Amino acid sequence: MPLDAVVVKELAVELNETLVGMKIDRVHQPERDTVVLALRGNRENKRLLLCFGSGSGRVCVTRADYENPPQPPMFCMLLRKYLIGARIVSVTQPKRERMLLFGLTVYDELGEPSSMTLAAELLGRNANLILVGADGRIVDAARRVDAEMSPLRQLMPGMIYRLPPQPEPGRFSGLSPLVRRELEYRGLPTTWETAEEMEKRPYMLTEKGAPKDFSFLPILQYGAGTDSVAYESWSALLEAFYAERDRAEHLKSRAKSMTKLVKNAKARAERKLALRIEELGATEDRETDKRRGDLITANIWRMKPGMAEFVTEDFYEPDAPTVAVPLDIHKSPQQNAAAYYKRYTKKKAARKHLTGLIEENTAEASYLASVMEELERADSQAALEEIRGELEAAGYLRAPKNARRKKPKPLPPLTYRTSAGLEVLVGRNNLQNDELTFRTARRTDLWLHAQKLHGAHVILCCHDAPPDETSVYEAACLAAYHSEGVQAGRVAVDAAQVRFVKKPRGARPGMVIYTDQKTILAEPRKEI
């Protein structure tokens, strides 16, 4: 858990400096485990995010917009009753605890002041938000805990609020495992006192540009594989770290049903492909059947009814070796020859049919793999809706009957600019890939795609002039990043002018062939 007691202590200092004296103007609960307080005062407005999700508990000033449910939850209504109009008088951290206590001055209907405490417990899976009255008793908790749930500590309305029991001496230093490993790596004692003496700043640990962890000191233990990025405040760090992770998890949850459908369809296509390849293998001996029919026909005058096999010279081979031809004793020589010819004709026709089916199954499995990659790259609900439309058009999803669903406005492609100022367009899905390559791009623009990997079509807009090498490399890095090879160190990217990219007749969305390409080894780095 990166949100250790040291980070919480620094966060308490920061919030105490910026929030004390501000008035709670509005209370919202956009998610089951998220409360947002709109604050006013000190000649500015702020929004305080209090998240008590399992494994994502945090408190920070946020700039993000949250969509509120039509009907506020009961806990939200209770907070509104007590907290609207209240002023924040203090933000404190109990000693070495992952908790923040917001001291509040609240006013009743007659304007009489009293004190309350809003306790944000950022305790991993046990994160919670608790409102405590002036008498120290719990008004209510976002997650009520009774005796059956925890015999050690109950959190129920009317009970005296007590801090979590302290661990045995020496078992908890207030440091996260990441910081302990870092102090060991630096040869320092892994104690709270060591951390107290260090200069503390908000640092995000990134790997290939993606958030990995955070701490109050630069993390060196992973070497050159990661970077420590400094932030101007703890709130900005927490918002940046969790916002991207939560957004990705939210989209992943929204895409779950589509992902399952595509995965199952892909598995079916692969099973059919394996079965048809096996059936195709059974047709490999078709020429043997034809040869046996010819040998019987050429020697039919030598054969007698009731023979189980016929031994003759194989005139198909240069040295004419003898070969035994199996026969059906219940058939005449002519009927045996006809049976071999019929078997040959059947296998020949089956081979032609199976070859076509195998091509179809291969294309279908490849297409569905590309849709899986699209779902991984989807960065918004609108992007998911476009993929849903693609699956409906392809027949994998059935559009709701009698549903008046407003057709979403098509998303534009992702747009970047190279160091030299050239525009780079990146397709979000297969339909957009086709639109980008065959309708938007000029014939002289450069088309790029990760080699032998599913990914986006990337267009480097050249304006009928040869692009500079730096721009080509940066566009190749974007093609690598927006592909299945995003986690690889280097990815081979093919680049060709758009005029050399063709779409075969009947090909599925996003599927193309191309010539006259050159291959570039590119790094799929997010910072590009």
Protein backbone atom coordinates (compact mmCIF):
# COMPACT_ATOMS: atom_id res chain seq x y z
CA MET A 1 0.00 0.00 0.00
CA PRO A 2 1.86 3.16 -1.16
CA LEU A 3 -0.32 5.51 0.92
CA ASP A 4 1.70 5.02 4.09
CA ALA A 5 1.65 7.05 7.30
CA VAL A 6 4.49 9.29 6.13
CA VAL A 7 2.56 10.36 3.02
CA VAL A 8 -0.60 10.85 5.11
CA LYS A 9 1.33 13.08 7.55
CA GLU A 10 2.59 15.27 4.68
CA LEU A 11 -0.91 15.33 3.18
CA ALA A 12 -2.36 16.46 6.52
CA VAL A 13 0.08 19.39 6.64
CA GLU A 14 -0.80 20.39 3.07
CA LEU A 15 -4.57 20.18 3.59
CA ASN A 16 -4.34 21.99 6.91
CA GLU A 17 -2.63 24.90 5.16
CA THR A 18 -5.10 25.09 2.26
CA LEU A 19 -8.49 24.04 3.67
CA VAL A 20 -8.74 25.45 7.19
CA GLY A 21 -11.34 28.20 7.28
CA MET A 22 -13.21 27.00 4.19
CA LYS A 23 -16.93 26.33 4.33
CA ILE A 24 -18.65 23.19 3.06
CA ASP A 25 -21.07 24.40 0.42
CA ARG A 26 -22.30 21.14 -1.13
CA VAL A 27 -21.96 17.40 -0.55
CA HIS A 28 -22.13 14.79 -3.31
CA GLN A 29 -21.63 11.03 -3.42
CA PRO A 30 -21.03 10.16 -7.11
CA GLU A 31 -19.93 6.60 -6.34
CA ARG A 32 -20.69 4.14 -3.57
CA ASP A 33 -17.26 4.69 -2.07
CA THR A 34 -16.62 8.33 -3.00
CA VAL A 35 -17.76 11.59 -1.41
CA VAL A 36 -16.97 15.03 -2.84
CA LEU A 37 -17.22 18.18 -0.70
CA ALA A 38 -17.54 21.50 -2.52
CA LEU A 39 -15.68 24.09 -0.42
CA ARG A 40 -15.87 27.86 -0.48
CA GLY A 41 -13.68 30.41 1.27
CA ASN A 42 -10.33 32.19 1.25
CA ARG A 43 -11.52 33.84 -2.00
CA GLU A 44 -11.56 30.55 -3.88
CA ASN A 45 -13.54 27.38 -4.46
CA LYS A 46 -12.18 23.86 -4.07
CA ARG A 47 -13.46 20.30 -4.23
CA LEU A 48 -12.28 17.78 -1.68
CA LEU A 49 -12.37 14.13 -2.72
CA LEU A 50 -12.77 11.54 0.04
CA CYS A 51 -12.49 8.03 -1.38
CA PHE A 52 -12.92 5.02 0.87
CA GLY A 53 -12.77 2.31 -1.78
CA SER A 54 -11.07 -0.97 -0.98
CA GLY A 55 -7.42 -0.53 -1.92
CA SER A 56 -7.96 3.00 -3.27
CA GLY A 57 -8.63 5.04 -0.11
CA ARG A 58 -7.36 8.62 -0.41
CA VAL A 59 -8.12 12.24 0.31
CA CYS A 60 -7.11 15.03 -2.05
CA VAL A 61 -8.20 18.29 -3.59
CA THR A 62 -9.54 17.42 -7.03
CA ARG A 63 -10.29 19.20 -10.28
CA ALA A 64 -12.13 16.27 -11.83
CA ASP A 65 -15.84 16.42 -12.63
CA TYR A 66 -18.02 13.64 -11.26
CA GLU A 67 -21.48 12.69 -12.48
CA ASN A 68 -23.88 12.49 -9.56
CA PRO A 69 -26.67 9.89 -9.34
CA PRO A 70 -30.29 11.13 -9.70
CA GLN A 71 -31.07 9.93 -6.16
CA PRO A 72 -28.35 10.59 -3.55
CA PRO A 73 -27.50 7.66 -1.23
CA MET A 74 -28.65 7.77 2.40
CA PHE A 75 -25.14 8.43 3.71
CA CYS A 76 -24.88 11.42 1.38
CA MET A 77 -28.20 12.76 2.70
CA LEU A 78 -26.94 12.40 6.27
CA LEU A 79 -23.72 14.25 5.49
CA ARG A 80 -25.71 17.04 3.84
CA LYS A 81 -27.88 17.36 6.94
CA TYR A 82 -24.91 17.88 9.24
CA LEU A 83 -22.11 19.28 7.10
CA ILE A 84 -23.55 21.86 4.70
CA GLY A 85 -22.51 25.21 6.14
CA ALA A 86 -19.84 23.68 8.38
CA ARG A 87 -16.33 25.12 8.48
CA ILE A 88 -13.10 23.17 8.53
CA VAL A 89 -11.06 24.15 11.58
CA SER A 90 -8.29 21.53 11.47
CA VAL A 91 -6.88 18.59 9.55
CA THR A 92 -4.84 16.22 11.70
CA GLN A 93 -3.30 12.79 11.56
CA PRO A 94 -3.35 10.49 14.60
CA LYS A 95 0.21 9.38 15.35
CA ARG A 96 1.56 7.15 12.56
CA GLU A 97 -1.94 6.26 11.38
CA ARG A 98 -3.23 6.17 7.82
CA MET A 99 -6.08 8.43 8.87
CA LEU A 100 -7.12 12.06 8.58
CA LEU A 101 -9.41 13.74 11.09
CA PHE A 102 -11.26 16.83 9.84
CA GLY A 103 -12.24 19.04 12.75
CA LEU A 104 -15.47 20.89 11.88
CA THR A 105 -17.57 23.66 13.35
CA VAL A 106 -21.21 22.99 12.50
CA TYR A 107 -24.32 25.06 13.12
CA ASP A 108 -27.81 23.89 14.03
CA GLU A 109 -31.12 25.36 12.88
CA LEU A 110 -30.83 28.16 15.45
CA GLY A 111 -27.29 29.01 14.37
CA GLU A 112 -25.73 27.57 17.51
CA PRO A 113 -22.21 26.23 16.88
CA SER A 114 -20.93 22.82 17.89
CA SER A 115 -18.04 20.61 16.88
CA MET A 116 -17.97 17.41 14.81
CA THR A 117 -15.25 15.26 13.31
CA LEU A 118 -15.15 13.63 9.89
CA ALA A 119 -12.74 10.70 10.08
CA ALA A 120 -11.26 9.44 6.81
CA GLU A 121 -9.73 6.03 7.53
CA LEU A 122 -7.41 5.12 4.64
CA LEU A 123 -6.76 1.59 5.84
CA GLY A 124 -6.50 -0.44 2.64
CA ARG A 125 -9.38 -2.93 2.42
CA ASN A 126 -10.91 -1.44 5.58
CA ALA A 127 -11.08 2.16 4.33
CA ASN A 128 -14.05 4.06 5.72
CA LEU A 129 -15.58 7.50 6.26
CA ILE A 130 -17.12 8.17 9.68
CA LEU A 131 -18.98 11.18 11.06
CA VAL A 132 -18.45 11.69 14.80
CA GLY A 133 -20.49 14.04 17.02
CA ALA A 134 -19.27 16.46 19.70
CA ASP A 135 -19.83 13.78 22.35
CA GLY A 136 -17.40 11.41 20.60
CA ARG A 137 -20.17 9.09 19.47
CA ILE A 138 -20.55 7.86 15.89
CA VAL A 139 -23.34 9.59 13.99
CA ASP A 140 -22.93 7.16 11.10
CA ALA A 141 -20.30 5.42 8.97
CA ALA A 142 -20.14 4.81 5.24
CA ARG A 143 -19.43 1.18 6.08
CA ARG A 144 -21.03 0.04 9.30
CA VAL A 145 -19.12 -2.66 11.18
CA ASP A 146 -20.97 -4.80 13.74
CA ALA A 147 -19.67 -7.39 16.21
CA GLU A 148 -20.10 -10.24 13.74
CA MET A 149 -17.95 -8.45 11.17
CA SER A 150 -15.23 -7.46 13.65
CA PRO A 151 -15.11 -8.51 17.32
CA LEU A 152 -12.26 -6.03 17.95
CA ARG A 153 -13.72 -2.77 16.64
CA GLN A 154 -17.32 -1.93 15.80
CA LEU A 155 -18.41 1.17 13.91
CA MET A 156 -22.14 1.61 14.46
CA PRO A 157 -24.29 4.71 15.08
CA GLY A 158 -24.38 5.68 18.77
CA MET A 159 -21.14 3.90 19.70
CA ILE A 160 -18.10 5.72 21.07
CA TYR A 161 -15.62 6.31 18.23
CA ARG A 162 -12.21 4.85 19.00
CA LEU A 163 -9.09 4.75 16.89
CA PRO A 164 -7.97 1.38 15.51
CA PRO A 165 -6.01 -0.72 18.04
CA GLN A 166 -2.29 -0.10 17.95
CA PRO A 167 -0.12 -2.98 16.65
CA GLU A 168 2.47 -4.65 18.82
CA PRO A 169 5.67 -2.59 19.27
CA GLY A 170 8.09 -3.13 16.40
CA ARG A 171 5.56 -4.64 14.02
CA PHE A 172 4.63 -1.39 12.28
CA SER A 173 6.92 1.46 11.40
CA GLY A 174 4.44 3.57 9.42
CA LEU A 175 6.37 2.87 6.21
CA SER A 176 5.09 1.13 3.11
CA PRO A 177 6.89 -2.00 1.82
CA LEU A 178 8.13 0.09 -1.13
CA VAL A 179 9.81 2.63 1.18
CA ARG A 180 11.28 -0.08 3.39
CA ARG A 181 12.87 -1.75 0.36
CA GLU A 182 14.13 1.63 -0.83
CA LEU A 183 15.75 2.41 2.53
CA GLU A 184 17.37 -1.04 2.55
CA TYR A 185 18.59 -0.43 -1.02
CA ARG A 186 20.19 2.81 0.14
CA GLY A 187 21.72 1.14 3.20
CA LEU A 188 19.59 3.13 5.69
CA PRO A 189 17.65 1.92 8.75
CA THR A 190 14.05 1.04 7.88
CA THR A 191 12.53 3.13 10.67
CA TRP A 192 10.09 6.00 11.04
CA GLU A 193 12.91 8.13 12.45
CA THR A 194 14.90 7.69 9.23
CA ALA A 195 11.95 8.91 7.17
CA GLU A 196 11.41 11.86 9.53
CA GLU A 197 14.93 13.13 8.86
CA MET A 198 14.59 12.97 5.07
CA GLU A 199 13.38 15.76 2.81
CA LYS A 200 9.93 14.73 1.60
CA ARG A 201 8.34 15.62 -1.73
CA PRO A 202 5.54 14.04 -3.81
CA TYR A 203 7.03 11.59 -6.34
CA MET A 204 5.24 9.41 -8.87
CA LEU A 205 7.05 6.23 -9.86
CA THR A 206 6.40 5.52 -13.54
CA GLU A 207 7.29 2.58 -15.78
CA LYS A 208 7.28 3.30 -19.53
CA GLY A 209 5.31 6.43 -18.73
CA ALA A 210 2.53 4.59 -16.85
CA PRO A 211 1.89 5.12 -13.10
CA LYS A 212 3.38 2.32 -11.02
CA ASP A 213 3.61 3.65 -7.46
CA PHE A 214 4.24 6.82 -5.45
CA SER A 215 6.22 7.90 -2.42
CA PHE A 216 7.78 10.81 -0.56
CA LEU A 217 11.26 10.18 -1.97
CA PRO A 218 12.72 9.24 -5.37
CA ILE A 219 12.69 5.46 -5.89
CA LEU A 220 16.06 4.17 -7.10
CA GLN A 221 15.78 0.42 -6.43
CA TYR A 222 14.38 -0.41 -9.90
CA GLY A 223 17.25 1.21 -11.78
CA ALA A 224 16.78 2.66 -15.25
CA GLY A 225 13.52 0.78 -15.84
CA THR A 226 11.48 3.41 -13.97
CA ASP A 227 11.39 7.17 -13.41
CA SER A 228 10.50 9.26 -10.35
CA VAL A 229 8.44 12.28 -11.40
CA ALA A 230 8.05 15.14 -8.90
CA TYR A 231 4.64 16.81 -8.39
CA GLU A 232 3.81 20.25 -7.04
CA SER A 233 1.48 18.93 -4.31
CA TRP A 234 0.32 15.75 -2.66
CA SER A 235 -3.21 16.29 -3.94
CA ALA A 236 -1.96 16.60 -7.51
CA LEU A 237 0.07 13.40 -7.07
CA LEU A 238 -2.81 11.38 -5.64
CA GLU A 239 -5.25 12.62 -8.27
CA ALA A 240 -2.83 11.82 -11.11
CA PHE A 241 -2.01 8.36 -9.75
CA TYR A 242 -5.52 7.17 -8.92
CA ALA A 243 -7.44 9.02 -11.64
CA GLU A 244 -5.81 7.07 -14.48
CA ARG A 245 -6.02 3.78 -12.60
CA ASP A 246 -9.66 4.28 -11.61
CA ARG A 247 -10.58 5.41 -15.12
CA ALA A 248 -8.95 2.31 -16.58
CA GLU A 249 -10.72 0.04 -14.09
CA HIS A 250 -14.04 1.80 -14.72
CA LEU A 251 -13.69 1.36 -18.48
CA LYS A 252 -12.57 -2.23 -18.02
CA SER A 253 -15.71 -2.89 -16.00
CA ARG A 254 -17.88 -1.26 -18.70
CA ALA A 255 -16.11 -3.30 -21.40
CA LYS A 256 -16.36 -6.58 -19.47
CA SER A 257 -19.43 -7.96 -21.29
CA MET A 258 -18.04 -7.05 -24.72
CA THR A 259 -14.64 -8.47 -23.84
CA LYS A 260 -16.24 -11.75 -22.75
CA LEU A 261 -18.32 -11.94 -25.94
CA VAL A 262 -15.32 -11.27 -28.19
CA LYS A 263 -13.14 -13.69 -26.25
CA ASN A 264 -15.75 -16.46 -26.57
CA ALA A 265 -16.26 -15.76 -30.29
CA LYS A 266 -12.50 -15.83 -30.83
CA ALA A 267 -12.23 -19.15 -28.95
CA ARG A 268 -15.00 -20.63 -31.14
CA ALA A 269 -13.26 -19.44 -34.29
CA GLU A 270 -9.99 -20.97 -33.13
CA ARG A 271 -11.66 -24.29 -32.28
CA LYS A 272 -13.26 -24.40 -35.73
CA LEU A 273 -9.93 -23.54 -37.29
CA ALA A 274 -8.14 -26.36 -35.46
CA LEU A 275 -10.87 -28.85 -36.41
CA ARG A 276 -10.80 -27.88 -40.08
CA ILE A 277 -7.02 -28.03 -40.21
CA GLU A 278 -7.30 -31.56 -38.83
CA GLU A 279 -9.94 -32.43 -41.45
CA LEU A 280 -7.72 -30.96 -44.13
CA GLY A 281 -4.93 -33.24 -43.03
CA ALA A 282 -7.20 -36.23 -43.70
CA THR A 283 -7.34 -35.26 -47.40
CA GLU A 284 -3.56 -35.43 -47.89
CA ASP A 285 -3.75 -39.04 -49.13
CA ARG A 286 -6.24 -38.27 -51.92
CA GLU A 287 -3.64 -38.89 -54.66
CA THR A 288 -3.07 -42.37 -53.24
CA ASP A 289 -6.78 -43.14 -53.78
CA LYS A 290 -6.58 -41.95 -57.40
CA ARG A 291 -3.41 -43.95 -58.00
CA ARG A 292 -5.03 -47.12 -56.64
CA GLY A 293 -8.06 -46.60 -58.88
CA ASP A 294 -5.76 -46.22 -61.90
CA LEU A 295 -3.79 -49.36 -60.99
CA ILE A 296 -6.99 -51.39 -60.69
CA THR A 297 -8.30 -50.07 -64.01
CA ALA A 298 -5.02 -50.80 -65.82
CA ASN A 299 -4.92 -54.37 -64.48
CA ILE A 300 -8.60 -55.23 -64.34
CA TRP A 301 -8.12 -58.11 -66.83
CA ARG A 302 -5.77 -59.80 -64.35
CA MET A 303 -8.10 -59.51 -61.36
CA LYS A 304 -10.68 -61.98 -60.05
CA PRO A 305 -13.80 -61.35 -57.96
CA GLY A 306 -13.41 -61.92 -54.17
CA MET A 307 -9.75 -60.80 -53.98
CA ALA A 308 -8.81 -59.03 -50.68
CA GLU A 309 -5.84 -57.28 -52.28
CA PHE A 310 -4.12 -57.06 -55.62
CA VAL A 311 -0.32 -56.95 -56.01
CA THR A 312 0.99 -55.20 -59.12
CA GLU A 313 3.77 -52.99 -60.41
CA ASP A 314 3.35 -49.31 -59.55
CA PHE A 315 3.90 -47.65 -62.94
CA TYR A 316 3.78 -44.21 -61.25
CA GLU A 317 7.25 -44.82 -59.77
CA PRO A 318 10.42 -44.80 -61.97
CA ASP A 319 11.58 -48.28 -60.94
CA ALA A 320 8.01 -49.69 -60.90
CA PRO A 321 8.10 -51.36 -57.45
CA THR A 322 5.39 -53.84 -56.53
CA VAL A 323 2.56 -52.48 -54.41
CA ALA A 324 -0.43 -54.14 -52.71
CA VAL A 325 -3.80 -52.48 -53.40
CA PRO A 326 -6.47 -53.29 -50.73
CA LEU A 327 -9.82 -54.45 -52.18
CA ASP A 328 -13.34 -54.96 -50.90
CA ILE A 329 -14.10 -58.66 -51.38
CA HIS A 330 -17.79 -57.91 -51.77
CA LYS A 331 -17.19 -55.66 -54.79
CA SER A 332 -16.14 -56.41 -58.33
CA PRO A 333 -12.84 -54.99 -59.67
CA GLN A 334 -14.78 -52.28 -61.50
CA GLN A 335 -16.65 -51.34 -58.32
CA ASN A 336 -13.41 -51.21 -56.30
CA ALA A 337 -11.90 -48.83 -58.87
CA ALA A 338 -15.04 -46.66 -58.81
CA ALA A 339 -14.94 -46.53 -54.97
CA TYR A 340 -11.32 -45.26 -55.03
CA TYR A 341 -12.15 -42.62 -57.66
CA LYS A 342 -15.18 -41.49 -55.65
CA ARG A 343 -13.07 -41.20 -52.48
CA TYR A 344 -10.48 -39.19 -54.40
CA THR A 345 -13.11 -36.82 -55.81
CA LYS A 346 -14.69 -36.34 -52.38
CA LYS A 347 -11.37 -35.53 -50.70
CA LYS A 348 -10.41 -33.17 -53.51
CA ALA A 349 -13.67 -31.26 -53.17
CA ALA A 350 -13.38 -31.29 -49.37
CA ARG A 351 -9.86 -29.88 -49.58
CA LYS A 352 -11.01 -26.99 -51.74
CA HIS A 353 -13.95 -26.30 -49.42
CA LEU A 354 -11.86 -26.63 -46.24
CA THR A 355 -9.15 -24.34 -47.60
CA GLY A 356 -11.75 -21.60 -48.02
CA LEU A 357 -13.19 -22.22 -44.55
CA ILE A 358 -9.72 -22.16 -43.00
CA GLU A 359 -9.03 -18.80 -44.63
CA GLU A 360 -12.34 -17.50 -43.27
CA ASN A 361 -11.68 -18.83 -39.77
CA THR A 362 -8.14 -17.46 -39.77
CA ALA A 363 -9.43 -14.02 -40.84
CA GLU A 364 -12.20 -14.15 -38.22
CA ALA A 365 -9.84 -15.12 -35.39
CA SER A 366 -7.42 -12.39 -36.46
CA TYR A 367 -10.21 -9.82 -36.65
CA LEU A 368 -11.54 -10.72 -33.19
CA ALA A 369 -8.00 -10.49 -31.80
CA SER A 370 -7.84 -6.97 -33.23
CA VAL A 371 -11.13 -6.11 -31.49
CA MET A 372 -9.67 -7.41 -28.21
CA GLU A 373 -6.75 -5.05 -28.73
CA GLU A 374 -9.21 -2.19 -29.44
CA LEU A 375 -11.00 -2.87 -26.17
CA GLU A 376 -7.67 -2.72 -24.33
CA ARG A 377 -6.95 0.69 -25.90
CA ALA A 378 -10.43 2.18 -25.44
CA ASP A 379 -10.00 5.36 -23.38
CA SER A 380 -13.62 6.51 -22.98
CA GLN A 381 -17.22 5.37 -22.92
CA ALA A 382 -17.67 6.87 -26.38
CA ALA A 383 -14.82 4.70 -27.70
CA LEU A 384 -16.52 1.62 -26.23
CA GLU A 385 -19.80 2.58 -27.90
CA GLU A 386 -18.04 2.76 -31.28
CA ILE A 387 -16.62 -0.72 -30.75
CA ARG A 388 -20.11 -1.92 -29.80
CA GLY A 389 -21.40 -0.49 -33.08
CA GLU A 390 -18.63 -2.29 -34.96
CA LEU A 391 -19.59 -5.61 -33.32
CA GLU A 392 -23.27 -5.02 -34.13
CA ALA A 393 -22.39 -4.29 -37.77
CA ALA A 394 -20.30 -7.48 -37.90
CA GLY A 395 -23.17 -9.53 -36.46
CA TYR A 396 -21.55 -10.46 -33.14
CA LEU A 397 -23.90 -8.26 -31.13
CA ARG A 398 -27.60 -7.85 -31.73
CA ALA A 399 -28.91 -4.29 -31.63
CA PRO A 400 -31.69 -3.89 -29.04
CA LYS A 401 -35.16 -4.32 -30.56
CA ASN A 402 -37.35 -1.22 -30.66
CA ALA A 403 -34.59 0.71 -28.90
CA ARG A 404 -34.35 4.36 -29.79
CA ARG A 405 -30.67 4.59 -29.10
CA LYS A 406 -29.20 7.82 -30.33
CA LYS A 407 -26.36 7.12 -32.69
CA PRO A 408 -23.23 8.55 -31.05
CA LYS A 409 -21.28 11.19 -32.87
CA PRO A 410 -18.21 9.55 -34.46
CA LEU A 411 -15.05 10.15 -32.46
CA PRO A 412 -12.17 11.87 -34.24
CA PRO A 413 -8.90 9.96 -34.52
CA LEU A 414 -6.25 10.55 -31.88
CA THR A 415 -4.11 13.47 -33.01
CA TYR A 416 -0.46 14.19 -32.24
CA ARG A 417 2.27 16.44 -33.59
CA THR A 418 5.86 15.43 -34.15
CA SER A 419 8.85 17.48 -33.00
CA ALA A 420 8.97 19.00 -36.49
CA GLY A 421 5.27 19.94 -36.34
CA LEU A 422 3.84 17.25 -38.65
CA GLU A 423 0.38 15.96 -37.75
CA VAL A 424 0.00 12.28 -36.84
CA LEU A 425 -3.43 10.61 -36.84
CA VAL A 426 -4.08 7.35 -34.96
CA GLY A 427 -7.18 5.17 -35.48
CA ARG A 428 -9.16 4.20 -32.37
CA ASN A 429 -10.82 1.07 -33.85
CA ASN A 430 -11.06 -0.99 -37.04
CA LEU A 431 -13.79 1.11 -38.63
CA GLN A 432 -11.84 4.27 -37.94
CA ASN A 433 -8.67 2.62 -39.24
CA ASP A 434 -10.40 2.08 -42.61
CA GLU A 435 -11.78 5.63 -42.62
CA LEU A 436 -8.37 7.07 -41.79
CA THR A 437 -6.39 5.05 -44.34
CA PHE A 438 -8.76 5.04 -47.33
CA ARG A 439 -10.68 8.31 -46.98
CA THR A 440 -8.80 10.78 -44.78
CA ALA A 441 -5.17 10.23 -45.72
CA ARG A 442 -3.54 11.46 -48.92
CA ARG A 443 -1.89 8.96 -51.23
CA THR A 444 1.52 10.46 -50.42
CA ASP A 445 1.06 10.38 -46.63
CA LEU A 446 2.96 7.75 -44.67
CA TRP A 447 1.00 4.78 -43.29
CA LEU A 448 2.48 2.93 -40.29
CA HIS A 449 1.47 -0.24 -38.45
CA ALA A 450 3.13 -2.60 -35.98
CA GLN A 451 4.49 -5.55 -37.94
CA LYS A 452 2.54 -8.82 -37.48
CA LEU A 453 0.71 -7.35 -34.46
CA HIS A 454 -2.80 -6.05 -34.01
CA GLY A 455 -2.93 -2.30 -33.54
CA ALA A 456 -3.93 1.08 -34.87
CA HIS A 457 -3.40 2.45 -38.35
CA VAL A 458 -1.16 5.51 -38.00
CA ILE A 459 -0.98 8.26 -40.64
CA LEU A 460 1.91 10.73 -40.78
CA CYS A 461 0.59 13.70 -42.76
CA CYS A 462 3.42 14.64 -45.11
CA HIS A 463 1.71 17.34 -47.27
CA ASP A 464 3.17 15.82 -50.48
CA ALA A 465 6.74 16.26 -49.21
CA PRO A 466 9.22 13.67 -47.87
CA PRO A 467 8.97 13.59 -44.04
CA ASP A 468 12.03 14.06 -41.84
CA GLU A 469 13.51 10.97 -40.16
CA THR A 470 12.69 12.18 -36.63
CA SER A 471 9.01 12.56 -37.50
CA VAL A 472 8.94 9.10 -39.07
CA TYR A 473 10.52 7.57 -35.97
CA GLU A 474 8.12 9.38 -33.62
CA ALA A 475 5.14 8.20 -35.70
CA ALA A 476 6.56 4.66 -35.57
CA CYS A 477 6.77 4.93 -31.77
CA LEU A 478 3.09 5.90 -31.71
CA ALA A 479 2.23 2.89 -33.90
CA ALA A 480 4.16 0.66 -31.49
CA TYR A 481 2.47 2.21 -28.44
CA HIS A 482 -1.03 1.80 -29.91
CA SER A 483 -0.55 -1.91 -30.58
CA GLU A 484 -0.30 -5.28 -28.87
CA GLY A 485 3.43 -4.61 -28.47
CA VAL A 486 2.92 -1.75 -26.01
CA GLN A 487 4.68 -3.68 -23.22
CA ALA A 488 7.65 -4.70 -25.39
CA GLY A 489 11.02 -2.99 -25.36
CA ARG A 490 11.11 -2.53 -29.12
CA VAL A 491 8.56 -3.20 -31.85
CA ALA A 492 9.09 -3.65 -35.59
CA VAL A 493 6.86 -1.12 -37.39
CA ASP A 494 6.19 -1.19 -41.14
CA ALA A 495 5.90 2.15 -42.95
CA ALA A 496 4.63 2.63 -46.51
CA GLN A 497 3.02 5.39 -48.51
CA VAL A 498 -0.77 5.22 -48.36
CA ARG A 499 -0.94 4.52 -52.11
CA PHE A 500 0.71 1.12 -51.49
CA VAL A 501 -1.92 0.07 -48.92
CA LYS A 502 -4.86 -1.91 -50.33
CA LYS A 503 -7.95 -3.55 -48.90
CA PRO A 504 -8.73 -6.99 -50.35
CA ARG A 505 -12.27 -7.52 -51.58
CA GLY A 506 -14.45 -8.80 -48.75
CA ALA A 507 -11.81 -8.20 -46.07
CA ARG A 508 -12.98 -7.42 -42.55
CA PRO A 509 -12.69 -3.90 -41.08
CA GLY A 510 -9.10 -2.84 -40.47
CA MET A 511 -7.60 -5.67 -42.54
CA VAL A 512 -5.23 -4.52 -45.31
CA ILE A 513 -2.30 -5.63 -47.44
CA TYR A 514 0.61 -3.41 -48.38
CA THR A 515 3.85 -3.32 -50.36
CA ASP A 516 6.96 -1.13 -50.76
CA GLN A 517 7.33 -0.83 -47.01
CA LYS A 518 10.36 -0.19 -44.85
CA THR A 519 10.68 -1.51 -41.30
CA ILE A 520 11.58 0.64 -38.29
CA LEU A 521 12.48 -0.58 -34.80
CA ALA A 522 10.52 1.73 -32.49
CA GLU A 523 10.05 2.07 -28.73
CA PRO A 524 6.43 2.10 -27.48
CA ARG A 525 7.08 4.88 -24.95
CA LYS A 526 4.10 6.80 -23.59
CA GLU A 527 6.11 10.00 -23.21
CA ILE A 528 6.58 10.16 -26.99
